[in-house]
């Protein structure tokens, strides 16, 4: 099993299982370092009022459909163009 970290998809990308084609269901194991602002009530009950992620590493990503973990890739997200816009080439 490789020890390198998986990349986290950005705003224009997403994970895809190269084995079965899944785009929506993954089991993700990650480690986060955070700074939190804790607020305690007068009764002593804690509440995390603010969280800032300092560092994050994805250790593994596994496809929920087929169980593959060695074929996960990052692909572009769809552009959002409607089928009519694609078919008409942008002309009315």
PDB file of N, CA and C in Angstrom:
ATOM      1  N   UNK A   1       0.849  -1.187   0.000  1.00  0.00           N
ATOM      2  CA  UNK A   1       0.000   0.000   0.000  1.00  0.00           C
ATOM      3  C   UNK A   1       0.888   1.242   0.000  1.00  0.00           C
ATOM      4  N   UNK A   2       0.651   2.203  -0.934  1.00  0.00           N
ATOM      5  CA  UNK A   2       1.490   3.395  -0.997  1.00  0.00           C
ATOM      6  C   UNK A   2       1.290   4.277   0.232  1.00  0.00           C
ATOM      7  N   UNK A   3       2.349   4.995   0.604  1.00  0.00           N
ATOM      8  CA  UNK A   3       2.263   5.856   1.773  1.00  0.00           C
ATOM      9  C   UNK A   3       2.081   7.319   1.398  1.00  0.00           C
ATOM     10  N   UNK A   4       2.065   7.644   0.083  1.00  0.00           N
ATOM     11  CA  UNK A   4       1.892   9.035  -0.305  1.00  0.00           C
ATOM     12  C   UNK A   4       0.451   9.489  -0.081  1.00  0.00           C
ATOM     13  N   UNK A   5       0.305  10.769   0.220  1.00  0.00           N
ATOM     14  CA  UNK A   5      -1.019  11.314   0.498  1.00  0.00           C
ATOM     15  C   UNK A   5      -1.786  11.549  -0.793  1.00  0.00           C
ATOM     16  N   UNK A   6      -3.103  11.443  -0.720  1.00  0.00           N
ATOM     17  CA  UNK A   6      -3.974  11.749  -1.843  1.00  0.00           C
ATOM     18  C   UNK A   6      -4.192  13.259  -1.896  1.00  0.00           C
ATOM     19  N   UNK A   7      -4.348  13.782  -3.098  1.00  0.00           N
ATOM     20  CA  UNK A   7      -4.668  15.194  -3.252  1.00  0.00           C
ATOM     21  C   UNK A   7      -6.157  15.405  -2.982  1.00  0.00           C
ATOM     22  N   UNK A   8      -6.481  16.545  -2.435  1.00  0.00           N
ATOM     23  CA  UNK A   8      -7.873  16.912  -2.185  1.00  0.00           C
ATOM     24  C   UNK A   8      -8.361  17.684  -3.404  1.00  0.00           C
ATOM     25  N   UNK A   9      -9.492  17.282  -3.984  1.00  0.00           N
ATOM     26  CA  UNK A   9      -9.989  18.000  -5.163  1.00  0.00           C
ATOM     27  C   UNK A   9     -10.269  19.470  -4.856  1.00  0.00           C
ATOM     28  N   UNK A  10      -9.989  20.317  -5.836  1.00  0.00           N
ATOM     29  CA  UNK A  10     -10.253  21.751  -5.698  1.00  0.00           C
ATOM     30  C   UNK A  10     -11.654  22.093  -6.187  1.00  0.00           C
ATOM     31  N   UNK A  11     -11.960  23.381  -6.286  1.00  0.00           N
ATOM     32  CA  UNK A  11     -13.300  23.818  -6.680  1.00  0.00           C
ATOM     33  C   UNK A  11     -13.723  23.344  -8.076  1.00  0.00           C
ATOM     34  N   UNK A  12     -12.785  23.132  -8.983  1.00  0.00           N
ATOM     35  CA  UNK A  12     -13.134  22.730 -10.343  1.00  0.00           C
ATOM     36  C   UNK A  12     -12.906  21.263 -10.631  1.00  0.00           C
ATOM     37  N   UNK A  13     -12.670  20.465  -9.579  1.00  0.00           N
ATOM     38  CA  UNK A  13     -12.374  19.049  -9.801  1.00  0.00           C
ATOM     39  C   UNK A  13     -13.071  18.171  -8.771  1.00  0.00           C
ATOM     40  N   UNK A  14     -12.997  16.867  -8.981  1.00  0.00           N
ATOM     41  CA  UNK A  14     -13.580  15.904  -8.046  1.00  0.00           C
ATOM     42  C   UNK A  14     -12.894  14.564  -8.213  1.00  0.00           C
ATOM     43  N   UNK A  15     -13.107  13.664  -7.238  1.00  0.00           N
ATOM     44  CA  UNK A  15     -12.563  12.315  -7.337  1.00  0.00           C
ATOM     45  C   UNK A  15     -13.411  11.471  -8.272  1.00  0.00           C
ATOM     46  N   UNK A  16     -12.772  10.499  -8.900  1.00  0.00           N
ATOM     47  CA  UNK A  16     -13.442   9.509  -9.740  1.00  0.00           C
ATOM     48  C   UNK A  16     -12.714   8.194  -9.557  1.00  0.00           C
ATOM     49  N   UNK A  17     -13.479   7.107  -9.424  1.00  0.00           N
ATOM     50  CA  UNK A  17     -12.877   5.785  -9.348  1.00  0.00           C
ATOM     51  C   UNK A  17     -12.594   5.330 -10.773  1.00  0.00           C
ATOM     52  N   UNK A  18     -11.341   5.088 -11.082  1.00  0.00           N
ATOM     53  CA  UNK A  18     -10.948   4.636 -12.412  1.00  0.00           C
ATOM     54  C   UNK A  18     -11.312   3.189 -12.668  1.00  0.00           C
ATOM     55  N   UNK A  19     -11.748   2.477 -11.639  1.00  0.00           N
ATOM     56  CA  UNK A  19     -12.131   1.078 -11.812  1.00  0.00           C
ATOM     57  C   UNK A  19     -13.600   0.944 -12.206  1.00  0.00           C
ATOM     58  N   UNK A  20     -14.506   1.602 -11.459  1.00  0.00           N
ATOM     59  CA  UNK A  20     -15.951   1.433 -11.716  1.00  0.00           C
ATOM     60  C   UNK A  20     -16.640   2.704 -12.201  1.00  0.00           C
ATOM     61  N   UNK A  21     -15.965   3.856 -12.156  1.00  0.00           N
ATOM     62  CA  UNK A  21     -16.550   5.102 -12.628  1.00  0.00           C
ATOM     63  C   UNK A  21     -17.282   5.908 -11.574  1.00  0.00           C
ATOM     64  N   UNK A  22     -17.340   5.442 -10.329  1.00  0.00           N
ATOM     65  CA  UNK A  22     -18.021   6.147  -9.246  1.00  0.00           C
ATOM     66  C   UNK A  22     -17.495   7.576  -9.112  1.00  0.00           C
ATOM     67  N   UNK A  23     -18.424   8.522  -8.960  1.00  0.00           N
ATOM     68  CA  UNK A  23     -18.065   9.929  -8.759  1.00  0.00           C
ATOM     69  C   UNK A  23     -18.571  10.485  -7.432  1.00  0.00           C
ATOM     70  N   UNK A  24     -19.344   9.695  -6.673  1.00  0.00           N
ATOM     71  CA  UNK A  24     -20.065  10.287  -5.544  1.00  0.00           C
ATOM     72  C   UNK A  24     -19.849   9.654  -4.180  1.00  0.00           C
ATOM     73  N   UNK A  25     -19.321   8.447  -4.071  1.00  0.00           N
ATOM     74  CA  UNK A  25     -19.247   7.768  -2.768  1.00  0.00           C
ATOM     75  C   UNK A  25     -17.832   7.255  -2.503  1.00  0.00           C
ATOM     76  N   UNK A  26     -17.190   7.819  -1.472  1.00  0.00           N
ATOM     77  CA  UNK A  26     -15.828   7.427  -1.125  1.00  0.00           C
ATOM     78  C   UNK A  26     -15.676   7.373   0.389  1.00  0.00           C
ATOM     79  N   UNK A  27     -14.877   6.444   0.869  1.00  0.00           N
ATOM     80  CA  UNK A  27     -14.469   6.410   2.266  1.00  0.00           C
ATOM     81  C   UNK A  27     -13.120   7.118   2.325  1.00  0.00           C
ATOM     82  N   UNK A  28     -13.035   8.186   3.115  1.00  0.00           N
ATOM     83  CA  UNK A  28     -11.842   9.027   3.164  1.00  0.00           C
ATOM     84  C   UNK A  28     -11.261   8.997   4.568  1.00  0.00           C
ATOM     85  N   UNK A  29      -9.970   8.672   4.662  1.00  0.00           N
ATOM     86  CA  UNK A  29      -9.251   8.729   5.933  1.00  0.00           C
ATOM     87  C   UNK A  29      -8.323   9.929   5.849  1.00  0.00           C
ATOM     88  N   UNK A  30      -8.481  10.862   6.787  1.00  0.00           N
ATOM     89  CA  UNK A  30      -7.670  12.070   6.745  1.00  0.00           C
ATOM     90  C   UNK A  30      -7.226  12.478   8.140  1.00  0.00           C
ATOM     91  N   UNK A  31      -6.147  13.238   8.179  1.00  0.00           N
ATOM     92  CA  UNK A  31      -5.610  13.784   9.415  1.00  0.00           C
ATOM     93  C   UNK A  31      -5.647  15.294   9.294  1.00  0.00           C
ATOM     94  N   UNK A  32      -6.172  15.947  10.324  1.00  0.00           N
ATOM     95  CA  UNK A  32      -6.261  17.404  10.325  1.00  0.00           C
ATOM     96  C   UNK A  32      -5.587  17.979  11.565  1.00  0.00           C
ATOM     97  N   UNK A  33      -4.921  19.115  11.372  1.00  0.00           N
ATOM     98  CA  UNK A  33      -4.431  19.918  12.480  1.00  0.00           C
ATOM     99  C   UNK A  33      -5.275  21.180  12.473  1.00  0.00           C
ATOM    100  N   UNK A  34      -5.921  21.463  13.596  1.00  0.00           N
ATOM    101  CA  UNK A  34      -6.828  22.608  13.662  1.00  0.00           C
ATOM    102  C   UNK A  34      -6.521  23.472  14.872  1.00  0.00           C
ATOM    103  N   UNK A  35      -6.904  24.728  14.757  1.00  0.00           N
ATOM    104  CA  UNK A  35      -6.920  25.634  15.900  1.00  0.00           C
ATOM    105  C   UNK A  35      -8.388  25.925  16.176  1.00  0.00           C
ATOM    106  N   UNK A  36      -8.794  25.743  17.431  1.00  0.00           N
ATOM    107  CA  UNK A  36     -10.193  25.928  17.786  1.00  0.00           C
ATOM    108  C   UNK A  36     -10.332  26.972  18.887  1.00  0.00           C
ATOM    109  N   UNK A  37     -11.404  27.747  18.789  1.00  0.00           N
ATOM    110  CA  UNK A  37     -11.779  28.663  19.856  1.00  0.00           C
ATOM    111  C   UNK A  37     -12.875  27.969  20.649  1.00  0.00           C
ATOM    112  N   UNK A  38     -12.575  27.667  21.896  1.00  0.00           N
ATOM    113  CA  UNK A  38     -13.541  26.977  22.764  1.00  0.00           C
ATOM    114  C   UNK A  38     -14.179  27.991  23.702  1.00  0.00           C
ATOM    115  N   UNK A  39     -15.479  27.874  23.839  1.00  0.00           N
ATOM    116  CA  UNK A  39     -16.242  28.704  24.766  1.00  0.00           C
ATOM    117  C   UNK A  39     -16.899  27.774  25.779  1.00  0.00           C
ATOM    118  N   UNK A  40     -16.785  28.092  27.048  1.00  0.00           N
ATOM    119  CA  UNK A  40     -17.398  27.287  28.098  1.00  0.00           C
ATOM    120  C   UNK A  40     -18.561  28.052  28.711  1.00  0.00           C
ATOM    121  N   UNK A  41     -19.679  27.374  28.899  1.00  0.00           N
ATOM    122  CA  UNK A  41     -20.821  27.991  29.573  1.00  0.00           C
ATOM    123  C   UNK A  41     -20.479  28.137  31.050  1.00  0.00           C
ATOM    124  N   UNK A  42     -21.314  28.853  31.770  1.00  0.00           N
ATOM    125  CA  UNK A  42     -21.094  29.005  33.208  1.00  0.00           C
ATOM    126  C   UNK A  42     -21.180  27.666  33.924  1.00  0.00           C
ATOM    127  N   UNK A  43     -21.887  26.709  33.328  1.00  0.00           N
ATOM    128  CA  UNK A  43     -21.995  25.370  33.911  1.00  0.00           C
ATOM    129  C   UNK A  43     -20.800  24.494  33.537  1.00  0.00           C
ATOM    130  N   UNK A  44     -19.910  25.026  32.692  1.00  0.00           N
ATOM    131  CA  UNK A  44     -18.713  24.281  32.333  1.00  0.00           C
ATOM    132  C   UNK A  44     -18.838  23.436  31.075  1.00  0.00           C
ATOM    133  N   UNK A  45     -19.944  23.583  30.339  1.00  0.00           N
ATOM    134  CA  UNK A  45     -20.138  22.817  29.104  1.00  0.00           C
ATOM    135  C   UNK A  45     -19.364  23.488  27.962  1.00  0.00           C
ATOM    136  N   UNK A  46     -18.491  22.731  27.277  1.00  0.00           N
ATOM    137  CA  UNK A  46     -17.708  23.334  26.189  1.00  0.00           C
ATOM    138  C   UNK A  46     -18.499  23.400  24.880  1.00  0.00           C
ATOM    139  N   UNK A  47     -18.177  24.411  24.084  1.00  0.00           N
ATOM    140  CA  UNK A  47     -18.715  24.546  22.734  1.00  0.00           C
ATOM    141  C   UNK A  47     -17.591  25.074  21.857  1.00  0.00           C
ATOM    142  N   UNK A  48     -17.366  24.430  20.725  1.00  0.00           N
ATOM    143  CA  UNK A  48     -16.363  24.917  19.787  1.00  0.00           C
ATOM    144  C   UNK A  48     -17.033  25.993  18.940  1.00  0.00           C
ATOM    145  N   UNK A  49     -16.619  27.242  19.139  1.00  0.00           N
ATOM    146  CA  UNK A  49     -17.255  28.373  18.477  1.00  0.00           C
ATOM    147  C   UNK A  49     -16.611  28.689  17.131  1.00  0.00           C
ATOM    148  N   UNK A  50     -15.368  28.289  16.925  1.00  0.00           N
ATOM    149  CA  UNK A  50     -14.665  28.604  15.683  1.00  0.00           C
ATOM    150  C   UNK A  50     -13.566  27.578  15.462  1.00  0.00           C
ATOM    151  N   UNK A  51     -13.413  27.127  14.216  1.00  0.00           N
ATOM    152  CA  UNK A  51     -12.366  26.168  13.871  1.00  0.00           C
ATOM    153  C   UNK A  51     -11.624  26.655  12.637  1.00  0.00           C
ATOM    154  N   UNK A  52     -10.300  26.650  12.703  1.00  0.00           N
ATOM    155  CA  UNK A  52      -9.455  26.996  11.570  1.00  0.00           C
ATOM    156  C   UNK A  52      -8.583  25.790  11.256  1.00  0.00           C
ATOM    157  N   UNK A  53      -8.637  25.313  10.015  1.00  0.00           N
ATOM    158  CA  UNK A  53      -7.812  24.180   9.601  1.00  0.00           C
ATOM    159  C   UNK A  53      -6.421  24.707   9.273  1.00  0.00           C
ATOM    160  N   UNK A  54      -5.412  24.227  10.005  1.00  0.00           N
ATOM    161  CA  UNK A  54      -4.030  24.637   9.799  1.00  0.00           C
ATOM    162  C   UNK A  54      -3.367  23.748   8.755  1.00  0.00           C
ATOM    163  N   UNK A  55      -3.640  22.450   8.815  1.00  0.00           N
ATOM    164  CA  UNK A  55      -3.072  21.492   7.864  1.00  0.00           C
ATOM    165  C   UNK A  55      -4.032  20.319   7.733  1.00  0.00           C
ATOM    166  N   UNK A  56      -4.034  19.703   6.547  1.00  0.00           N
ATOM    167  CA  UNK A  56      -4.888  18.547   6.311  1.00  0.00           C
ATOM    168  C   UNK A  56      -4.194  17.610   5.333  1.00  0.00           C
ATOM    169  N   UNK A  57      -4.243  16.332   5.638  1.00  0.00           N
ATOM    170  CA  UNK A  57      -3.649  15.320   4.760  1.00  0.00           C
ATOM    171  C   UNK A  57      -4.637  14.177   4.607  1.00  0.00           C
ATOM    172  N   UNK A  58      -4.905  13.807   3.362  1.00  0.00           N
ATOM    173  CA  UNK A  58      -5.768  12.667   3.089  1.00  0.00           C
ATOM    174  C   UNK A  58      -4.858  11.447   2.957  1.00  0.00           C
ATOM    175  N   UNK A  59      -4.998  10.503   3.881  1.00  0.00           N
ATOM    176  CA  UNK A  59      -4.154   9.314   3.909  1.00  0.00           C
ATOM    177  C   UNK A  59      -4.628   8.250   2.932  1.00  0.00           C
ATOM    178  N   UNK A  60      -5.964   8.120   2.785  1.00  0.00           N
ATOM    179  CA  UNK A  60      -6.486   7.122   1.865  1.00  0.00           C
ATOM    180  C   UNK A  60      -7.876   7.499   1.384  1.00  0.00           C
ATOM    181  N   UNK A  61      -8.183   7.065   0.168  1.00  0.00           N
ATOM    182  CA  UNK A  61      -9.505   7.237  -0.420  1.00  0.00           C
ATOM    183  C   UNK A  61      -9.879   5.893  -1.018  1.00  0.00           C
ATOM    184  N   UNK A  62     -11.041   5.380  -0.633  1.00  0.00           N
ATOM    185  CA  UNK A  62     -11.498   4.090  -1.141  1.00  0.00           C
ATOM    186  C   UNK A  62     -12.894   4.251  -1.736  1.00  0.00           C
ATOM    187  N   UNK A  63     -13.100   3.674  -2.902  1.00  0.00           N
ATOM    188  CA  UNK A  63     -14.399   3.721  -3.556  1.00  0.00           C
ATOM    189  C   UNK A  63     -15.404   2.923  -2.741  1.00  0.00           C
ATOM    190  N   UNK A  64     -16.520   3.538  -2.416  1.00  0.00           N
ATOM    191  CA  UNK A  64     -17.559   2.873  -1.634  1.00  0.00           C
ATOM    192  C   UNK A  64     -18.278   1.817  -2.471  1.00  0.00           C
ATOM    193  N   UNK A  65     -18.307   1.971  -3.786  1.00  0.00           N
ATOM    194  CA  UNK A  65     -19.014   1.017  -4.650  1.00  0.00           C
ATOM    195  C   UNK A  65     -18.235  -0.272  -4.866  1.00  0.00           C
ATOM    196  N   UNK A  66     -16.954  -0.158  -5.254  1.00  0.00           N
ATOM    197  CA  UNK A  66     -16.208  -1.371  -5.626  1.00  0.00           C
ATOM    198  C   UNK A  66     -15.046  -1.692  -4.693  1.00  0.00           C
ATOM    199  N   UNK A  67     -14.700  -0.787  -3.776  1.00  0.00           N
ATOM    200  CA  UNK A  67     -13.632  -1.044  -2.822  1.00  0.00           C
ATOM    201  C   UNK A  67     -12.230  -0.720  -3.319  1.00  0.00           C
ATOM    202  N   UNK A  68     -12.109  -0.224  -4.540  1.00  0.00           N
ATOM    203  CA  UNK A  68     -10.780   0.101  -5.077  1.00  0.00           C
ATOM    204  C   UNK A  68     -10.200   1.303  -4.339  1.00  0.00           C
ATOM    205  N   UNK A  69      -8.898   1.253  -4.067  1.00  0.00           N
ATOM    206  CA  UNK A  69      -8.220   2.393  -3.471  1.00  0.00           C
ATOM    207  C   UNK A  69      -7.004   2.808  -4.285  1.00  0.00           C
ATOM    208  N   UNK A  70      -6.652   2.005  -5.271  1.00  0.00           N
ATOM    209  CA  UNK A  70      -5.469   2.288  -6.080  1.00  0.00           C
ATOM    210  C   UNK A  70      -5.803   2.896  -7.443  1.00  0.00           C
ATOM    211  N   UNK A  71      -7.081   3.185  -7.693  1.00  0.00           N
ATOM    212  CA  UNK A  71      -7.485   3.724  -8.996  1.00  0.00           C
ATOM    213  C   UNK A  71      -8.251   5.041  -8.853  1.00  0.00           C
ATOM    214  N   UNK A  72      -8.131   5.700  -7.711  1.00  0.00           N
ATOM    215  CA  UNK A  72      -8.838   6.959  -7.495  1.00  0.00           C
ATOM    216  C   UNK A  72      -8.045   8.071  -8.181  1.00  0.00           C
ATOM    217  N   UNK A  73      -8.757   8.869  -8.982  1.00  0.00           N
ATOM    218  CA  UNK A  73      -8.115   9.937  -9.731  1.00  0.00           C
ATOM    219  C   UNK A  73      -8.909  11.232  -9.579  1.00  0.00           C
ATOM    220  N   UNK A  74      -8.272  12.332  -9.892  1.00  0.00           N
ATOM    221  CA  UNK A  74      -8.954  13.625  -9.874  1.00  0.00           C
ATOM    222  C   UNK A  74      -9.302  13.992 -11.308  1.00  0.00           C
ATOM    223  N   UNK A  75     -10.585  14.334 -11.527  1.00  0.00           N
ATOM    224  CA  UNK A  75     -11.067  14.724 -12.854  1.00  0.00           C
ATOM    225  C   UNK A  75     -11.767  16.079 -12.747  1.00  0.00           C
ATOM    226  N   UNK A  76     -11.943  16.747 -13.875  1.00  0.00           N
ATOM    227  CA  UNK A  76     -12.653  18.020 -13.900  1.00  0.00           C
ATOM    228  C   UNK A  76     -14.123  17.825 -13.595  1.00  0.00           C
ATOM    229  N   UNK A  77     -14.722  18.811 -12.946  1.00  0.00           N
ATOM    230  CA  UNK A  77     -16.171  18.817 -12.743  1.00  0.00           C
ATOM    231  C   UNK A  77     -16.830  19.269 -14.036  1.00  0.00           C
ATOM    232  N   UNK A  78     -18.104  18.907 -14.230  1.00  0.00           N
ATOM    233  CA  UNK A  78     -18.808  19.380 -15.425  1.00  0.00           C
ATOM    234  C   UNK A  78     -18.897  20.904 -15.429  1.00  0.00           C
ATOM    235  N   UNK A  79     -19.004  21.472 -16.631  1.00  0.00           N
ATOM    236  CA  UNK A  79     -19.031  22.932 -16.765  1.00  0.00           C
ATOM    237  C   UNK A  79     -20.361  23.527 -16.365  1.00  0.00           C
ATOM    238  N   UNK A  80     -21.425  22.753 -16.394  1.00  0.00           N
ATOM    239  CA  UNK A  80     -22.737  23.256 -16.025  1.00  0.00           C
ATOM    240  C   UNK A  80     -23.563  23.708 -17.203  1.00  0.00           C
ATOM    241  N   UNK A  81     -23.055  23.548 -18.426  1.00  0.00           N
ATOM    242  CA  UNK A  81     -23.824  23.920 -19.608  1.00  0.00           C
ATOM    243  C   UNK A  81     -25.010  22.974 -19.751  1.00  0.00           C
ATOM    244  N   UNK A  82     -26.153  23.517 -20.104  1.00  0.00           N
ATOM    245  CA  UNK A  82     -27.350  22.699 -20.278  1.00  0.00           C
ATOM    246  C   UNK A  82     -27.260  21.930 -21.593  1.00  0.00           C
ATOM    247  N   UNK A  83     -27.972  20.820 -21.731  1.00  0.00           N
ATOM    248  CA  UNK A  83     -27.946  20.068 -22.997  1.00  0.00           C
ATOM    249  C   UNK A  83     -28.354  20.931 -24.193  1.00  0.00           C
ATOM    250  N   UNK A  84     -29.310  21.854 -24.016  1.00  0.00           N
ATOM    251  CA  UNK A  84     -29.730  22.725 -25.120  1.00  0.00           C
ATOM    252  C   UNK A  84     -28.587  23.619 -25.583  1.00  0.00           C
ATOM    253  N   UNK A  85     -27.818  24.172 -24.625  1.00  0.00           N
ATOM    254  CA  UNK A  85     -26.690  25.021 -24.991  1.00  0.00           C
ATOM    255  C   UNK A  85     -25.642  24.241 -25.763  1.00  0.00           C
ATOM    256  N   UNK A  86     -25.398  22.996 -25.377  1.00  0.00           N
ATOM    257  CA  UNK A  86     -24.422  22.165 -26.068  1.00  0.00           C
ATOM    258  C   UNK A  86     -24.914  21.820 -27.472  1.00  0.00           C
ATOM    259  N   UNK A  87     -26.191  21.441 -27.607  1.00  0.00           N
ATOM    260  CA  UNK A  87     -26.751  21.022 -28.894  1.00  0.00           C
ATOM    261  C   UNK A  87     -26.817  22.176 -29.883  1.00  0.00           C
ATOM    262  N   UNK A  88     -27.119  23.376 -29.385  1.00  0.00           N
ATOM    263  CA  UNK A  88     -27.300  24.521 -30.265  1.00  0.00           C
ATOM    264  C   UNK A  88     -26.009  25.296 -30.503  1.00  0.00           C
ATOM    265  N   UNK A  89     -24.969  24.925 -29.783  1.00  0.00           N
ATOM    266  CA  UNK A  89     -23.710  25.637 -29.958  1.00  0.00           C
ATOM    267  C   UNK A  89     -23.799  27.081 -29.522  1.00  0.00           C
ATOM    268  N   UNK A  90     -24.725  27.409 -28.649  1.00  0.00           N
ATOM    269  CA  UNK A  90     -24.847  28.756 -28.123  1.00  0.00           C
ATOM    270  C   UNK A  90     -25.698  29.686 -28.964  1.00  0.00           C
ATOM    271  N   UNK A  91     -26.276  29.200 -30.057  1.00  0.00           N
ATOM    272  CA  UNK A  91     -27.135  30.054 -30.881  1.00  0.00           C
ATOM    273  C   UNK A  91     -28.589  29.762 -30.610  1.00  0.00           C
ATOM    274  N   UNK A  92     -29.443  30.775 -30.634  1.00  0.00           N
ATOM    275  CA  UNK A  92     -30.877  30.561 -30.353  1.00  0.00           C
ATOM    276  C   UNK A  92     -31.587  29.835 -31.466  1.00  0.00           C
TER     277      UNK A  92
END
